[in-house]
């Protein structure tokens, strides 16, 4: 299922690069490095989104900046601004990994 007019404004797309601390802002990271996680997996994103009550759905799609490379994305309910949702997912992944970011 792709995002159509019926889902516009209700779902957001989460690509792993959006919350990956090793990806630069210009390459696609959407949150501050201090809040990002190293190499998040689709399963980690899905599990974190489930625990946050965001009703995640996995889709097989190509990341637009690397359309030639097979990728998977997660759709989640839009219950807050996108950046806040991405930060919450990254924070939950760190919590599940048993780590916390040092405060800078």
PDB file of N, CA and C in Angstrom:
ATOM      1  N   UNK A   1       0.841  -1.169   0.000  1.00  0.00           N
ATOM      2  CA  UNK A   1       0.000   0.000   0.000  1.00  0.00           C
ATOM      3  C   UNK A   1       0.890   1.238   0.000  1.00  0.00           C
ATOM      4  N   UNK A   2       0.655   2.128  -0.913  1.00  0.00           N
ATOM      5  CA  UNK A   2       1.440   3.347  -0.947  1.00  0.00           C
ATOM      6  C   UNK A   2       0.620   4.492  -0.361  1.00  0.00           C
ATOM      7  N   UNK A   3       1.319   5.546  -0.029  1.00  0.00           N
ATOM      8  CA  UNK A   3       0.620   6.690   0.555  1.00  0.00           C
ATOM      9  C   UNK A   3      -0.171   7.387  -0.536  1.00  0.00           C
ATOM     10  N   UNK A   4      -1.457   7.438  -0.370  1.00  0.00           N
ATOM     11  CA  UNK A   4      -2.326   8.119  -1.314  1.00  0.00           C
ATOM     12  C   UNK A   4      -2.986   9.294  -0.636  1.00  0.00           C
ATOM     13  N   UNK A   5      -3.925   9.895  -1.325  1.00  0.00           N
ATOM     14  CA  UNK A   5      -4.613  11.056  -0.764  1.00  0.00           C
ATOM     15  C   UNK A   5      -5.353  10.716   0.520  1.00  0.00           C
ATOM     16  N   UNK A   6      -5.860   9.459   0.623  1.00  0.00           N
ATOM     17  CA  UNK A   6      -6.609   9.081   1.823  1.00  0.00           C
ATOM     18  C   UNK A   6      -5.731   9.008   3.069  1.00  0.00           C
ATOM     19  N   UNK A   7      -4.416   8.808   2.903  1.00  0.00           N
ATOM     20  CA  UNK A   7      -3.516   8.733   4.058  1.00  0.00           C
ATOM     21  C   UNK A   7      -2.724  10.019   4.258  1.00  0.00           C
ATOM     22  N   UNK A   8      -2.796  10.927   3.314  1.00  0.00           N
ATOM     23  CA  UNK A   8      -2.019  12.164   3.399  1.00  0.00           C
ATOM     24  C   UNK A   8      -2.304  12.877   4.719  1.00  0.00           C
ATOM     25  N   UNK A   9      -1.262  13.146   5.472  1.00  0.00           N
ATOM     26  CA  UNK A   9      -1.417  13.834   6.745  1.00  0.00           C
ATOM     27  C   UNK A   9      -1.695  12.907   7.909  1.00  0.00           C
ATOM     28  N   UNK A  10      -1.919  11.642   7.632  1.00  0.00           N
ATOM     29  CA  UNK A  10      -2.220  10.693   8.699  1.00  0.00           C
ATOM     30  C   UNK A  10      -1.059   9.745   8.970  1.00  0.00           C
ATOM     31  N   UNK A  11      -0.214   9.524   7.991  1.00  0.00           N
ATOM     32  CA  UNK A  11       0.938   8.636   8.125  1.00  0.00           C
ATOM     33  C   UNK A  11       2.196   9.400   7.742  1.00  0.00           C
ATOM     34  N   UNK A  12       3.311   8.997   8.319  1.00  0.00           N
ATOM     35  CA  UNK A  12       4.589   9.527   7.873  1.00  0.00           C
ATOM     36  C   UNK A  12       5.498   8.359   7.543  1.00  0.00           C
ATOM     37  N   UNK A  13       6.454   8.613   6.676  1.00  0.00           N
ATOM     38  CA  UNK A  13       7.416   7.604   6.262  1.00  0.00           C
ATOM     39  C   UNK A  13       8.657   7.719   7.135  1.00  0.00           C
ATOM     40  N   UNK A  14       9.151   6.572   7.602  1.00  0.00           N
ATOM     41  CA  UNK A  14      10.399   6.536   8.364  1.00  0.00           C
ATOM     42  C   UNK A  14      11.376   5.637   7.614  1.00  0.00           C
ATOM     43  N   UNK A  15      12.385   6.262   7.018  1.00  0.00           N
ATOM     44  CA  UNK A  15      13.489   5.516   6.419  1.00  0.00           C
ATOM     45  C   UNK A  15      14.568   5.395   7.489  1.00  0.00           C
ATOM     46  N   UNK A  16      15.280   4.273   7.564  1.00  0.00           N
ATOM     47  CA  UNK A  16      16.348   4.145   8.568  1.00  0.00           C
ATOM     48  C   UNK A  16      17.365   5.285   8.530  1.00  0.00           C
ATOM     49  N   UNK A  17      17.668   5.812   7.333  1.00  0.00           N
ATOM     50  CA  UNK A  17      18.653   6.897   7.250  1.00  0.00           C
ATOM     51  C   UNK A  17      18.202   8.148   7.992  1.00  0.00           C
ATOM     52  N   UNK A  18      16.909   8.331   8.196  1.00  0.00           N
ATOM     53  CA  UNK A  18      16.396   9.521   8.885  1.00  0.00           C
ATOM     54  C   UNK A  18      16.888   9.617  10.325  1.00  0.00           C
ATOM     55  N   UNK A  19      17.173   8.469  10.953  1.00  0.00           N
ATOM     56  CA  UNK A  19      17.572   8.471  12.367  1.00  0.00           C
ATOM     57  C   UNK A  19      18.948   7.847  12.595  1.00  0.00           C
ATOM     58  N   UNK A  20      19.731   7.650  11.517  1.00  0.00           N
ATOM     59  CA  UNK A  20      21.048   7.010  11.601  1.00  0.00           C
ATOM     60  C   UNK A  20      22.129   8.057  11.867  1.00  0.00           C
ATOM     61  N   UNK A  21      22.837   7.912  12.988  1.00  0.00           N
ATOM     62  CA  UNK A  21      23.832   8.910  13.371  1.00  0.00           C
ATOM     63  C   UNK A  21      25.037   8.952  12.442  1.00  0.00           C
ATOM     64  N   UNK A  22      25.294   7.899  11.678  1.00  0.00           N
ATOM     65  CA  UNK A  22      26.457   7.923  10.789  1.00  0.00           C
ATOM     66  C   UNK A  22      26.136   8.523   9.418  1.00  0.00           C
ATOM     67  N   UNK A  23      24.882   8.864   9.191  1.00  0.00           N
ATOM     68  CA  UNK A  23      24.468   9.505   7.944  1.00  0.00           C
ATOM     69  C   UNK A  23      24.466  11.018   8.163  1.00  0.00           C
ATOM     70  N   UNK A  24      25.025  11.751   7.212  1.00  0.00           N
ATOM     71  CA  UNK A  24      25.051  13.214   7.341  1.00  0.00           C
ATOM     72  C   UNK A  24      23.674  13.806   7.071  1.00  0.00           C
ATOM     73  N   UNK A  25      23.482  15.035   7.503  1.00  0.00           N
ATOM     74  CA  UNK A  25      22.218  15.734   7.233  1.00  0.00           C
ATOM     75  C   UNK A  25      21.993  15.828   5.728  1.00  0.00           C
ATOM     76  N   UNK A  26      23.049  16.136   4.981  1.00  0.00           N
ATOM     77  CA  UNK A  26      22.903  16.292   3.533  1.00  0.00           C
ATOM     78  C   UNK A  26      22.603  14.972   2.832  1.00  0.00           C
ATOM     79  N   UNK A  27      22.903  13.857   3.490  1.00  0.00           N
ATOM     80  CA  UNK A  27      22.609  12.540   2.911  1.00  0.00           C
ATOM     81  C   UNK A  27      21.276  11.974   3.370  1.00  0.00           C
ATOM     82  N   UNK A  28      20.574  12.687   4.264  1.00  0.00           N
ATOM     83  CA  UNK A  28      19.234  12.245   4.611  1.00  0.00           C
ATOM     84  C   UNK A  28      18.848  12.172   6.070  1.00  0.00           C
ATOM     85  N   UNK A  29      19.817  12.319   6.999  1.00  0.00           N
ATOM     86  CA  UNK A  29      19.441  12.267   8.413  1.00  0.00           C
ATOM     87  C   UNK A  29      18.542  13.453   8.727  1.00  0.00           C
ATOM     88  N   UNK A  30      17.473  13.220   9.501  1.00  0.00           N
ATOM     89  CA  UNK A  30      16.487  14.269   9.772  1.00  0.00           C
ATOM     90  C   UNK A  30      16.498  14.784  11.206  1.00  0.00           C
ATOM     91  N   UNK A  31      17.226  14.111  12.090  1.00  0.00           N
ATOM     92  CA  UNK A  31      17.257  14.542  13.493  1.00  0.00           C
ATOM     93  C   UNK A  31      18.701  14.843  13.889  1.00  0.00           C
ATOM     94  N   UNK A  32      18.908  15.599  14.966  1.00  0.00           N
ATOM     95  CA  UNK A  32      20.276  15.901  15.390  1.00  0.00           C
ATOM     96  C   UNK A  32      21.068  14.624  15.680  1.00  0.00           C
ATOM     97  N   UNK A  33      22.342  14.669  15.362  1.00  0.00           N
ATOM     98  CA  UNK A  33      23.220  13.521  15.596  1.00  0.00           C
ATOM     99  C   UNK A  33      23.177  13.082  17.058  1.00  0.00           C
ATOM    100  N   UNK A  34      23.034  14.037  17.960  1.00  0.00           N
ATOM    101  CA  UNK A  34      23.006  13.734  19.393  1.00  0.00           C
ATOM    102  C   UNK A  34      21.793  12.895  19.790  1.00  0.00           C
ATOM    103  N   UNK A  35      20.755  12.889  18.953  1.00  0.00           N
ATOM    104  CA  UNK A  35      19.546  12.116  19.251  1.00  0.00           C
ATOM    105  C   UNK A  35      19.388  10.905  18.344  1.00  0.00           C
ATOM    106  N   UNK A  36      20.302  10.742  17.392  1.00  0.00           N
ATOM    107  CA  UNK A  36      20.215   9.651  16.423  1.00  0.00           C
ATOM    108  C   UNK A  36      20.847   8.369  16.977  1.00  0.00           C
ATOM    109  N   UNK A  37      20.626   7.268  16.273  1.00  0.00           N
ATOM    110  CA  UNK A  37      21.178   5.968  16.670  1.00  0.00           C
ATOM    111  C   UNK A  37      22.051   5.418  15.551  1.00  0.00           C
ATOM    112  N   UNK A  38      22.975   4.548  15.922  1.00  0.00           N
ATOM    113  CA  UNK A  38      23.872   3.962  14.932  1.00  0.00           C
ATOM    114  C   UNK A  38      23.205   2.768  14.248  1.00  0.00           C
ATOM    115  N   UNK A  39      23.107   2.856  12.938  1.00  0.00           N
ATOM    116  CA  UNK A  39      22.602   1.781  12.082  1.00  0.00           C
ATOM    117  C   UNK A  39      21.305   1.138  12.590  1.00  0.00           C
ATOM    118  N   UNK A  40      20.232   1.892  12.661  1.00  0.00           N
ATOM    119  CA  UNK A  40      18.964   1.295  13.102  1.00  0.00           C
ATOM    120  C   UNK A  40      18.441   0.310  12.060  1.00  0.00           C
ATOM    121  N   UNK A  41      17.878  -0.784  12.512  1.00  0.00           N
ATOM    122  CA  UNK A  41      17.307  -1.769  11.592  1.00  0.00           C
ATOM    123  C   UNK A  41      15.807  -1.529  11.451  1.00  0.00           C
ATOM    124  N   UNK A  42      15.244  -2.102  10.408  1.00  0.00           N
ATOM    125  CA  UNK A  42      13.796  -1.995  10.199  1.00  0.00           C
ATOM    126  C   UNK A  42      13.058  -2.613  11.384  1.00  0.00           C
ATOM    127  N   UNK A  43      13.540  -3.752  11.876  1.00  0.00           N
ATOM    128  CA  UNK A  43      12.884  -4.403  13.021  1.00  0.00           C
ATOM    129  C   UNK A  43      12.921  -3.513  14.265  1.00  0.00           C
ATOM    130  N   UNK A  44      14.054  -2.838  14.494  1.00  0.00           N
ATOM    131  CA  UNK A  44      14.141  -1.934  15.644  1.00  0.00           C
ATOM    132  C   UNK A  44      13.164  -0.770  15.497  1.00  0.00           C
ATOM    133  N   UNK A  45      13.086  -0.215  14.299  1.00  0.00           N
ATOM    134  CA  UNK A  45      12.162   0.898  14.058  1.00  0.00           C
ATOM    135  C   UNK A  45      10.730   0.430  14.257  1.00  0.00           C
ATOM    136  N   UNK A  46      10.398  -0.733  13.709  1.00  0.00           N
ATOM    137  CA  UNK A  46       9.040  -1.279  13.835  1.00  0.00           C
ATOM    138  C   UNK A  46       8.694  -1.537  15.302  1.00  0.00           C
ATOM    139  N   UNK A  47       9.601  -2.183  16.033  1.00  0.00           N
ATOM    140  CA  UNK A  47       9.350  -2.479  17.452  1.00  0.00           C
ATOM    141  C   UNK A  47       9.188  -1.206  18.274  1.00  0.00           C
ATOM    142  N   UNK A  48      10.050  -0.223  18.028  1.00  0.00           N
ATOM    143  CA  UNK A  48       9.955   1.044  18.760  1.00  0.00           C
ATOM    144  C   UNK A  48       8.629   1.736  18.457  1.00  0.00           C
ATOM    145  N   UNK A  49       8.243   1.747  17.188  1.00  0.00           N
ATOM    146  CA  UNK A  49       6.981   2.386  16.794  1.00  0.00           C
ATOM    147  C   UNK A  49       5.784   1.672  17.418  1.00  0.00           C
ATOM    148  N   UNK A  50       5.852   0.338  17.493  1.00  0.00           N
ATOM    149  CA  UNK A  50       4.764  -0.418  18.138  1.00  0.00           C
ATOM    150  C   UNK A  50       4.646  -0.033  19.608  1.00  0.00           C
ATOM    151  N   UNK A  51       5.785   0.032  20.297  1.00  0.00           N
ATOM    152  CA  UNK A  51       5.777   0.382  21.716  1.00  0.00           C
ATOM    153  C   UNK A  51       5.286   1.809  21.952  1.00  0.00           C
ATOM    154  N   UNK A  52       5.465   2.669  20.958  1.00  0.00           N
ATOM    155  CA  UNK A  52       4.996   4.054  21.056  1.00  0.00           C
ATOM    156  C   UNK A  52       3.548   4.201  20.585  1.00  0.00           C
ATOM    157  N   UNK A  53       2.945   3.096  20.161  1.00  0.00           N
ATOM    158  CA  UNK A  53       1.550   3.123  19.713  1.00  0.00           C
ATOM    159  C   UNK A  53       1.342   3.804  18.372  1.00  0.00           C
ATOM    160  N   UNK A  54       2.335   3.688  17.475  1.00  0.00           N
ATOM    161  CA  UNK A  54       2.278   4.390  16.192  1.00  0.00           C
ATOM    162  C   UNK A  54       1.784   3.533  15.024  1.00  0.00           C
ATOM    163  N   UNK A  55       1.326   2.309  15.302  1.00  0.00           N
ATOM    164  CA  UNK A  55       0.750   1.450  14.267  1.00  0.00           C
ATOM    165  C   UNK A  55       1.650   1.333  13.029  1.00  0.00           C
ATOM    166  N   UNK A  56       2.870   0.783  13.171  1.00  0.00           N
ATOM    167  CA  UNK A  56       3.803   0.728  12.045  1.00  0.00           C
ATOM    168  C   UNK A  56       3.393  -0.274  10.971  1.00  0.00           C
ATOM    169  N   UNK A  57       3.698   0.069   9.739  1.00  0.00           N
ATOM    170  CA  UNK A  57       3.488  -0.803   8.587  1.00  0.00           C
ATOM    171  C   UNK A  57       4.771  -0.795   7.775  1.00  0.00           C
ATOM    172  N   UNK A  58       5.266  -1.979   7.404  1.00  0.00           N
ATOM    173  CA  UNK A  58       6.496  -2.081   6.623  1.00  0.00           C
ATOM    174  C   UNK A  58       6.150  -2.145   5.143  1.00  0.00           C
ATOM    175  N   UNK A  59       6.903  -1.396   4.344  1.00  0.00           N
ATOM    176  CA  UNK A  59       6.732  -1.388   2.896  1.00  0.00           C
ATOM    177  C   UNK A  59       8.077  -1.597   2.216  1.00  0.00           C
ATOM    178  N   UNK A  60       8.066  -2.360   1.136  1.00  0.00           N
ATOM    179  CA  UNK A  60       9.262  -2.525   0.321  1.00  0.00           C
ATOM    180  C   UNK A  60       9.255  -1.430  -0.735  1.00  0.00           C
ATOM    181  N   UNK A  61      10.133  -0.489  -0.577  1.00  0.00           N
ATOM    182  CA  UNK A  61      10.250   0.644  -1.501  1.00  0.00           C
ATOM    183  C   UNK A  61      11.720   1.007  -1.626  1.00  0.00           C
ATOM    184  N   UNK A  62      12.062   1.702  -2.690  1.00  0.00           N
ATOM    185  CA  UNK A  62      13.422   2.192  -2.866  1.00  0.00           C
ATOM    186  C   UNK A  62      13.531   3.594  -2.291  1.00  0.00           C
ATOM    187  N   UNK A  63      14.607   3.835  -1.548  1.00  0.00           N
ATOM    188  CA  UNK A  63      14.850   5.172  -1.007  1.00  0.00           C
ATOM    189  C   UNK A  63      15.132   6.089  -2.192  1.00  0.00           C
ATOM    190  N   UNK A  64      14.421   7.199  -2.325  1.00  0.00           N
ATOM    191  CA  UNK A  64      14.543   8.048  -3.509  1.00  0.00           C
ATOM    192  C   UNK A  64      15.969   8.487  -3.859  1.00  0.00           C
ATOM    193  N   UNK A  65      16.804   8.741  -2.866  1.00  0.00           N
ATOM    194  CA  UNK A  65      18.175   9.176  -3.159  1.00  0.00           C
ATOM    195  C   UNK A  65      19.049   8.029  -3.641  1.00  0.00           C
ATOM    196  N   UNK A  66      18.617   6.797  -3.372  1.00  0.00           N
ATOM    197  CA  UNK A  66      19.364   5.610  -3.807  1.00  0.00           C
ATOM    198  C   UNK A  66      18.378   4.621  -4.409  1.00  0.00           C
ATOM    199  N   UNK A  67      17.685   5.038  -5.454  1.00  0.00           N
ATOM    200  CA  UNK A  67      16.602   4.264  -6.051  1.00  0.00           C
ATOM    201  C   UNK A  67      17.045   2.908  -6.578  1.00  0.00           C
ATOM    202  N   UNK A  68      18.316   2.747  -6.902  1.00  0.00           N
ATOM    203  CA  UNK A  68      18.830   1.494  -7.441  1.00  0.00           C
ATOM    204  C   UNK A  68      19.038   0.435  -6.365  1.00  0.00           C
ATOM    205  N   UNK A  69      19.052   0.852  -5.120  1.00  0.00           N
ATOM    206  CA  UNK A  69      19.323  -0.040  -3.997  1.00  0.00           C
ATOM    207  C   UNK A  69      18.012  -0.456  -3.324  1.00  0.00           C
ATOM    208  N   UNK A  70      17.840  -1.757  -3.098  1.00  0.00           N
ATOM    209  CA  UNK A  70      16.636  -2.273  -2.436  1.00  0.00           C
ATOM    210  C   UNK A  70      16.581  -1.741  -1.011  1.00  0.00           C
ATOM    211  N   UNK A  71      15.443  -1.212  -0.633  1.00  0.00           N
ATOM    212  CA  UNK A  71      15.254  -0.680   0.717  1.00  0.00           C
ATOM    213  C   UNK A  71      13.867  -1.027   1.236  1.00  0.00           C
ATOM    214  N   UNK A  72      13.704  -0.840   2.519  1.00  0.00           N
ATOM    215  CA  UNK A  72      12.411  -1.024   3.169  1.00  0.00           C
ATOM    216  C   UNK A  72      12.165   0.216   4.018  1.00  0.00           C
ATOM    217  N   UNK A  73      10.905   0.637   4.092  1.00  0.00           N
ATOM    218  CA  UNK A  73      10.551   1.788   4.908  1.00  0.00           C
ATOM    219  C   UNK A  73       9.418   1.411   5.841  1.00  0.00           C
ATOM    220  N   UNK A  74       9.215   2.235   6.849  1.00  0.00           N
ATOM    221  CA  UNK A  74       8.143   2.005   7.810  1.00  0.00           C
ATOM    222  C   UNK A  74       7.200   3.205   7.771  1.00  0.00           C
ATOM    223  N   UNK A  75       5.904   2.928   7.689  1.00  0.00           N
ATOM    224  CA  UNK A  75       4.881   3.967   7.788  1.00  0.00           C
ATOM    225  C   UNK A  75       4.353   3.951   9.210  1.00  0.00           C
ATOM    226  N   UNK A  76       4.225   5.122   9.813  1.00  0.00           N
ATOM    227  CA  UNK A  76       3.682   5.215  11.172  1.00  0.00           C
ATOM    228  C   UNK A  76       2.620   6.304  11.220  1.00  0.00           C
ATOM    229  N   UNK A  77       1.744   6.201  12.207  1.00  0.00           N
ATOM    230  CA  UNK A  77       0.709   7.218  12.398  1.00  0.00           C
ATOM    231  C   UNK A  77       1.354   8.564  12.720  1.00  0.00           C
ATOM    232  N   UNK A  78       0.805   9.615  12.139  1.00  0.00           N
ATOM    233  CA  UNK A  78       1.299  10.964  12.428  1.00  0.00           C
ATOM    234  C   UNK A  78       0.503  11.527  13.594  1.00  0.00           C
ATOM    235  N   UNK A  79       1.101  11.446  14.775  1.00  0.00           N
ATOM    236  CA  UNK A  79       0.433  11.925  15.991  1.00  0.00           C
ATOM    237  C   UNK A  79       1.098  13.186  16.540  1.00  0.00           C
ATOM    238  N   UNK A  80       2.185  13.593  15.891  1.00  0.00           N
ATOM    239  CA  UNK A  80       2.960  14.766  16.303  1.00  0.00           C
ATOM    240  C   UNK A  80       3.778  15.204  15.090  1.00  0.00           C
ATOM    241  N   UNK A  81       4.517  16.300  15.198  1.00  0.00           N
ATOM    242  CA  UNK A  81       5.395  16.685  14.093  1.00  0.00           C
ATOM    243  C   UNK A  81       6.395  15.567  13.777  1.00  0.00           C
ATOM    244  N   UNK A  82       6.747  15.434  12.506  1.00  0.00           N
ATOM    245  CA  UNK A  82       7.606  14.341  12.054  1.00  0.00           C
ATOM    246  C   UNK A  82       8.917  14.263  12.838  1.00  0.00           C
ATOM    247  N   UNK A  83       9.580  15.398  13.030  1.00  0.00           N
ATOM    248  CA  UNK A  83      10.862  15.375  13.737  1.00  0.00           C
ATOM    249  C   UNK A  83      10.701  14.813  15.148  1.00  0.00           C
ATOM    250  N   UNK A  84       9.638  15.187  15.843  1.00  0.00           N
ATOM    251  CA  UNK A  84       9.420  14.684  17.202  1.00  0.00           C
ATOM    252  C   UNK A  84       9.196  13.170  17.186  1.00  0.00           C
ATOM    253  N   UNK A  85       8.431  12.686  16.218  1.00  0.00           N
ATOM    254  CA  UNK A  85       8.198  11.242  16.108  1.00  0.00           C
ATOM    255  C   UNK A  85       9.509  10.515  15.843  1.00  0.00           C
ATOM    256  N   UNK A  86      10.328  11.043  14.937  1.00  0.00           N
ATOM    257  CA  UNK A  86      11.620  10.419  14.638  1.00  0.00           C
ATOM    258  C   UNK A  86      12.513  10.395  15.876  1.00  0.00           C
ATOM    259  N   UNK A  87      12.528  11.482  16.641  1.00  0.00           N
ATOM    260  CA  UNK A  87      13.326  11.527  17.872  1.00  0.00           C
ATOM    261  C   UNK A  87      12.815  10.520  18.898  1.00  0.00           C
ATOM    262  N   UNK A  88      11.492  10.364  19.001  1.00  0.00           N
ATOM    263  CA  UNK A  88      10.917   9.396  19.942  1.00  0.00           C
ATOM    264  C   UNK A  88      11.271   7.966  19.539  1.00  0.00           C
ATOM    265  N   UNK A  89      11.220   7.674  18.248  1.00  0.00           N
ATOM    266  CA  UNK A  89      11.576   6.336  17.767  1.00  0.00           C
ATOM    267  C   UNK A  89      13.045   6.057  18.064  1.00  0.00           C
ATOM    268  N   UNK A  90      13.933   7.018  17.768  1.00  0.00           N
ATOM    269  CA  UNK A  90      15.364   6.839  18.041  1.00  0.00           C
ATOM    270  C   UNK A  90      15.616   6.640  19.536  1.00  0.00           C
ATOM    271  N   UNK A  91      14.947   7.416  20.361  1.00  0.00           N
ATOM    272  CA  UNK A  91      15.099   7.295  21.807  1.00  0.00           C
ATOM    273  C   UNK A  91      14.644   5.922  22.297  1.00  0.00           C
ATOM    274  N   UNK A  92      13.538   5.435  21.760  1.00  0.00           N
ATOM    275  CA  UNK A  92      13.016   4.121  22.154  1.00  0.00           C
ATOM    276  C   UNK A  92      13.972   3.016  21.710  1.00  0.00           C
ATOM    277  N   UNK A  93      14.588   3.158  20.530  1.00  0.00           N
ATOM    278  CA  UNK A  93      15.563   2.164  20.064  1.00  0.00           C
ATOM    279  C   UNK A  93      16.748   2.122  21.021  1.00  0.00           C
ATOM    280  N   UNK A  94      17.246   3.291  21.423  1.00  0.00           N
ATOM    281  CA  UNK A  94      18.350   3.328  22.389  1.00  0.00           C
ATOM    282  C   UNK A  94      17.954   2.656  23.695  1.00  0.00           C
ATOM    283  N   UNK A  95      16.743   2.914  24.141  1.00  0.00           N
ATOM    284  CA  UNK A  95      16.236   2.303  25.373  1.00  0.00           C
ATOM    285  C   UNK A  95      16.192   0.782  25.225  1.00  0.00           C
ATOM    286  N   UNK A  96      15.718   0.304  24.078  1.00  0.00           N
ATOM    287  CA  UNK A  96      15.634  -1.136  23.843  1.00  0.00           C
ATOM    288  C   UNK A  96      17.013  -1.775  23.739  1.00  0.00           C
ATOM    289  N   UNK A  97      17.977  -1.022  23.241  1.00  0.00           N
ATOM    290  CA  UNK A  97      19.351  -1.522  23.160  1.00  0.00           C
ATOM    291  C   UNK A  97      20.041  -1.459  24.523  1.00  0.00           C
ATOM    292  N   UNK A  98      19.408  -0.782  25.476  1.00  0.00           N
ATOM    293  CA  UNK A  98      19.983  -0.669  26.812  1.00  0.00           C
ATOM    294  C   UNK A  98      21.053   0.392  26.909  1.00  0.00           C
ATOM    295  N   UNK A  99      20.978   1.375  26.016  1.00  0.00           N
ATOM    296  CA  UNK A  99      21.977   2.441  26.007  1.00  0.00           C
ATOM    297  C   UNK A  99      21.281   3.776  26.137  1.00  0.00           C
ATOM    298  N   UNK A 100      22.057   4.763  26.501  1.00  0.00           N
ATOM    299  CA  UNK A 100      21.540   6.131  26.474  1.00  0.00           C
ATOM    300  C   UNK A 100      22.632   7.017  25.903  1.00  0.00           C
ATOM    301  N   UNK A 101      22.214   8.086  25.278  1.00  0.00           N
ATOM    302  CA  UNK A 101      23.169   9.033  24.706  1.00  0.00           C
ATOM    303  C   UNK A 101      23.771   9.874  25.820  1.00  0.00           C
ATOM    304  N   UNK A 102      25.093  10.085  25.778  1.00  0.00           N
ATOM    305  CA  UNK A 102      25.680  10.994  26.764  1.00  0.00           C
ATOM    306  C   UNK A 102      25.203  12.410  26.482  1.00  0.00           C
ATOM    307  N   UNK A 103      24.958  13.172  27.527  1.00  0.00           N
ATOM    308  CA  UNK A 103      24.516  14.556  27.357  1.00  0.00           C
ATOM    309  C   UNK A 103      25.711  15.419  27.002  1.00  0.00           C
ATOM    310  N   UNK A 104      25.578  16.220  25.942  1.00  0.00           N
ATOM    311  CA  UNK A 104      26.682  17.081  25.500  1.00  0.00           C
ATOM    312  C   UNK A 104      26.540  18.458  26.069  1.00  0.00           C
TER     313      UNK A 104
END
